[in-house]
Protein backbone atom coordinates (compact mmCIF):
# COMPACT_ATOMS: atom_id res chain seq x y z
CA MET A 1 25.48 0.67 71.28
CA THR A 2 23.99 3.30 69.01
CA ASP A 3 24.97 3.28 65.31
CA LYS A 4 28.24 3.80 64.69
CA LEU A 5 30.57 4.50 61.58
CA THR A 6 32.17 1.53 59.33
CA ASN A 7 35.79 1.08 59.17
CA ALA A 8 35.51 2.64 55.23
CA GLN A 9 33.72 5.80 56.81
CA ILE A 10 36.58 6.32 59.69
CA ALA A 11 39.10 5.79 57.01
CA TRP A 12 37.17 8.54 55.13
CA ARG A 13 37.30 10.74 57.80
CA ALA A 14 40.90 10.41 58.39
CA ALA A 15 41.55 11.04 54.97
CA GLN A 16 39.99 14.48 54.79
CA ASP A 17 42.67 15.77 57.11
CA ILE A 18 45.37 14.62 54.82
CA ALA A 19 47.22 17.90 53.30
CA ASP A 20 47.73 18.12 49.34
CA GLY A 21 51.12 16.63 48.90
CA ALA A 22 51.72 15.35 52.35
CA TYR A 23 54.09 12.17 52.56
CA VAL A 24 52.04 9.52 54.26
CA ASN A 25 52.68 6.16 55.62
CA LEU A 26 49.67 3.87 56.36
CA GLY A 27 49.91 1.01 58.61
CA ILE A 28 49.22 -2.44 57.61
CA GLY A 29 45.54 -3.43 57.69
CA PHE A 30 42.68 -1.27 58.16
CA PRO A 31 44.76 2.10 57.84
CA GLU A 32 45.55 0.96 54.32
CA MET A 33 41.94 1.81 53.34
CA VAL A 34 42.51 5.56 54.13
CA ALA A 35 44.36 5.68 50.47
CA LYS A 36 41.07 5.19 48.96
CA PHE A 37 39.57 8.20 50.11
CA GLN A 38 41.54 11.35 49.45
CA PRO A 39 39.68 14.19 48.46
CA GLU A 40 39.18 15.70 45.14
CA GLY A 41 41.96 17.92 44.35
CA ARG A 42 44.29 16.70 46.50
CA GLU A 43 47.03 13.97 46.13
CA ALA A 44 49.08 12.46 48.90
CA VAL A 45 52.71 10.66 48.17
CA PHE A 46 52.29 7.17 49.92
CA HIS A 47 55.41 5.64 51.39
CA THR A 48 56.02 2.03 52.25
CA GLU A 49 58.75 0.52 54.85
CA ASN A 50 59.73 -2.07 52.21
CA GLY A 51 60.99 0.82 50.03
CA VAL A 52 58.39 2.48 47.49
CA LEU A 53 57.62 6.07 47.53
CA GLY A 54 54.40 7.11 45.19
CA PHE A 55 52.62 3.81 44.64
CA GLY A 56 48.83 4.04 43.74
CA LYS A 57 45.77 2.00 43.88
CA ALA A 58 45.55 -1.82 44.13
CA PRO A 59 45.52 -3.15 40.51
CA PRO A 60 42.38 -5.02 39.52
CA GLU A 61 41.83 -8.58 40.54
CA GLY A 62 44.03 -10.71 37.95
CA ASP A 63 46.33 -7.93 37.15
CA GLU A 64 48.59 -8.11 40.18
CA ASP A 65 52.55 -7.96 39.78
CA TRP A 66 53.69 -9.59 43.02
CA ASP A 67 57.19 -8.00 42.48
CA LEU A 68 54.94 -4.83 43.34
CA ILE A 69 53.67 -4.72 46.96
CA ASN A 70 53.20 -2.74 50.26
CA ALA A 71 54.54 -3.62 53.89
CA GLY A 72 51.19 -5.46 54.15
CA LYS A 73 52.35 -7.88 51.11
CA LYS A 74 49.15 -6.42 49.16
CA ALA A 75 49.63 -5.88 45.53
CA ILE A 76 49.96 -2.35 44.43
CA THR A 77 50.50 0.08 41.31
CA LEU A 78 52.78 2.86 40.66
CA LYS A 79 52.28 6.60 39.93
CA PRO A 80 54.42 8.78 37.46
CA GLY A 81 57.72 9.27 39.41
CA ALA A 82 57.43 6.17 42.09
CA ALA A 83 60.87 5.31 43.51
CA PHE A 84 62.18 2.08 44.74
CA PHE A 85 65.03 1.93 47.72
CA HIS A 86 66.41 -0.52 49.87
CA HIS A 87 64.54 -0.90 53.49
CA ALA A 88 67.06 0.70 55.25
CA ASP A 89 66.86 3.93 53.24
CA SER A 90 63.20 3.82 53.83
CA PHE A 91 63.48 3.60 57.44
CA ALA A 92 66.24 6.44 57.29
CA MET A 93 63.35 8.58 55.84
CA VAL A 94 60.98 7.60 58.61
CA ARG A 95 63.49 8.26 61.25
CA GLY A 96 65.03 11.53 59.54
CA GLY A 97 61.52 13.09 60.00
CA HIS A 98 60.73 13.17 56.47
CA LEU A 99 57.06 11.76 56.56
CA ASP A 100 54.11 14.09 57.28
CA VAL A 101 51.81 11.68 58.52
CA ALA A 102 51.59 8.33 60.16
CA ILE A 103 48.01 7.02 60.35
CA LEU A 104 48.05 3.70 62.51
CA GLY A 105 45.72 1.03 63.92
CA ALA A 106 45.58 0.76 67.81
CA TYR A 107 44.56 -1.68 70.37
CA GLU A 108 44.57 1.12 73.24
CA VAL A 109 45.33 5.07 73.34
CA ALA A 110 46.23 6.49 76.53
CA GLN A 111 45.01 10.12 77.16
CA THR A 112 48.74 10.82 77.41
CA GLY A 113 49.07 10.22 73.62
CA ASP A 114 51.10 6.47 74.60
CA LEU A 115 50.09 4.10 71.77
CA ALA A 116 49.59 0.15 72.12
CA ASN A 117 49.24 -1.20 68.78
CA TRP A 118 50.99 -4.73 69.13
CA SER A 119 50.51 -7.54 71.92
CA THR A 120 52.21 -10.78 73.02
CA GLY A 121 50.82 -14.29 73.31
CA PRO A 122 49.62 -16.84 71.11
CA LYS A 123 47.26 -14.58 68.89
CA GLY A 124 49.65 -11.54 69.41
CA VAL A 125 51.32 -9.84 66.63
CA PRO A 126 54.79 -11.29 66.82
CA ALA A 127 56.95 -7.95 67.19
CA VAL A 128 56.45 -3.99 67.17
CA GLY A 129 57.71 -3.85 63.83
CA GLY A 130 58.58 -0.61 62.26
CA ALA A 131 55.36 1.12 63.82
CA MET A 132 57.80 2.00 66.96
CA ASP A 133 60.05 4.14 64.29
CA LEU A 134 56.71 5.77 62.53
CA VAL A 135 55.42 7.01 65.92
CA HIS A 136 58.62 9.15 66.60
CA GLY A 137 59.65 9.70 63.22
CA ALA A 138 56.46 11.13 61.54
CA LYS A 139 55.60 14.82 62.07
CA ARG A 140 51.72 13.63 62.93
CA VAL A 141 50.39 10.54 64.19
CA ALA A 142 47.02 9.52 64.07
CA VAL A 143 45.16 6.51 65.01
CA ILE A 144 42.10 5.24 63.27
CA THR A 145 39.92 2.67 65.58
CA ASP A 146 36.83 1.33 66.75
CA HIS A 147 35.78 3.19 69.69
CA VAL A 148 35.57 -0.01 72.27
CA THR A 149 36.72 -3.43 71.66
CA LYS A 150 34.75 -6.61 70.41
CA THR A 151 33.94 -7.15 74.19
CA GLY A 152 32.56 -3.43 74.77
CA LYS A 153 35.64 -2.43 76.76
CA PRO A 154 37.23 1.25 76.04
CA LYS A 155 40.17 1.64 73.43
CA LEU A 156 40.63 4.85 74.43
CA VAL A 157 41.80 4.87 78.21
CA GLY A 158 43.90 6.63 81.04
CA ARG A 159 46.84 4.44 80.68
CA CYS A 160 47.71 1.39 78.47
CA SER A 161 47.93 -2.02 79.74
CA LEU A 162 49.32 -3.52 76.52
CA PRO A 163 53.01 -3.00 75.50
CA LEU A 164 53.51 0.27 74.15
CA THR A 165 54.36 1.24 70.42
CA GLY A 166 55.41 4.78 71.47
CA VAL A 167 54.97 7.21 74.26
CA GLY A 168 53.22 10.54 73.90
CA CYS A 169 53.06 10.02 70.02
CA VAL A 170 49.30 9.98 68.88
CA THR A 171 47.69 13.61 68.73
CA ARG A 172 44.43 12.67 67.02
CA VAL A 173 42.13 9.38 67.09
CA TYR A 174 39.54 8.75 64.68
CA THR A 175 36.97 6.18 65.94
CA SER A 176 33.71 5.02 64.86
CA LEU A 177 31.81 7.39 67.29
CA ALA A 178 34.15 10.53 67.73
CA VAL A 179 37.13 12.54 66.69
CA VAL A 180 39.27 13.01 69.48
CA ASP A 181 42.50 15.31 69.72
CA ILE A 182 45.12 14.49 72.59
CA GLU A 183 46.72 17.76 74.17
CA ASP A 184 48.25 18.42 77.36
CA GLY A 185 47.60 14.96 78.43
CA ARG A 186 43.83 14.99 78.02
CA PHE A 187 41.39 13.55 75.45
CA ILE A 188 39.59 16.76 73.88
CA LEU A 189 36.38 15.97 72.00
CA ARG A 190 36.33 17.50 68.47
CA GLU A 191 33.27 15.66 66.99
CA LYS A 192 30.99 13.09 67.74
CA LEU A 193 28.30 11.31 66.05
CA PRO A 194 24.92 13.25 66.50
CA ALA A 195 22.83 10.16 67.66
CA ILE A 196 24.95 9.43 70.60
CA SER A 197 24.80 11.88 73.65
CA PHE A 198 28.07 12.92 75.55
CA ASP A 199 27.39 11.28 78.30
CA ASP A 200 26.89 8.03 76.70
CA LEU A 201 30.06 8.52 74.76
CA GLN A 202 31.71 9.24 77.90
CA SER A 203 30.61 5.93 79.48
CA LEU A 204 32.36 4.04 76.35
CA THR A 205 35.62 6.01 76.94
CA GLY A 206 38.27 4.73 79.68
CA ALA A 207 39.31 8.60 80.55
CA GLU A 208 37.84 11.78 80.84
CA LEU A 209 36.56 13.77 77.47
CA HIS A 210 37.18 17.32 77.88
CA ARG A 211 34.97 20.31 75.84
CA PRO A 212 36.55 23.40 75.61
CA ALA A 213 34.94 24.32 72.63
CA PRO A 214 31.72 23.40 70.82
CA VAL A 215 31.62 19.74 69.39
CA ALA A 216 30.65 19.18 65.86
CA ASP A 217 28.55 16.87 64.56
CA LEU A 218 30.48 13.75 62.96
CA ILE A 219 29.11 13.16 59.67
CA ALA A 220 30.33 10.71 56.89
CA PRO A 221 28.88 9.65 53.42
CA GLU A 222 27.40 6.11 52.98
CA LEU A 223 30.30 3.96 51.51
C-alpha cells in the first residue's frame, strides 16, 4: 500500500472540523487523540460519559489525580468552569441531543452510515457500551480509522458484517487515505492522499466511491 497518514495525522484532520465552542465526546482509545489537535483560536468543550464536562489535557506523568479520569480510565485535568455529574445525567445530555459531535473508532462503516465498532468473541469488546447512545444522540457522528484492517480488508464496506452500534448514523469518515462523506446511502470522496490514485483507493474500499465534485488533496503536517 502507498504511504498513509499516521493515527496522529488522522486525529489532526478530524480536529480541524470541530467548531469553536462545540460540545464533543471522543470515543475511548484512538479518538481521544483528537483533543490534542484543536486549531488555534478554537476551543471545544469535551464531555465524558462517566460525568465530566470541560476537562483538559492529560497531566504530566507523575502528577495524575486518579479521582479525575475519563471514560477510558485515563487521567485528565480540569478547565475553568468544569462540571461533575452523575453518569445518568451524562447520558441524559447524550440522549437529549446536547452534544454537537461524537468522534468514534470503527471496525466497519457501511455506505448507508451504519457503524460497527464492537465485536463478540474472546478478543471482542465485551459490550456495545455508551457508543449506541452517542451515535444517535450527537448531532454529528464522525469516525476515525485506518482505511483497511491489519490484513488489508476494507473497513468501508457495502454492508457491515459485525454487530451494529448504530444504523444510518455516520456522516463523515476520516481514514489513513481519505476523507469520505456519507450521503444518500453512498460514499462521497472529498479528499484523498495525493500519492494514491482514485482507482487504487477504490480497490481498497468495499463499496463504490462517488466523485460529484473535485477531490481535494488530503494534506496533514508531520506530527
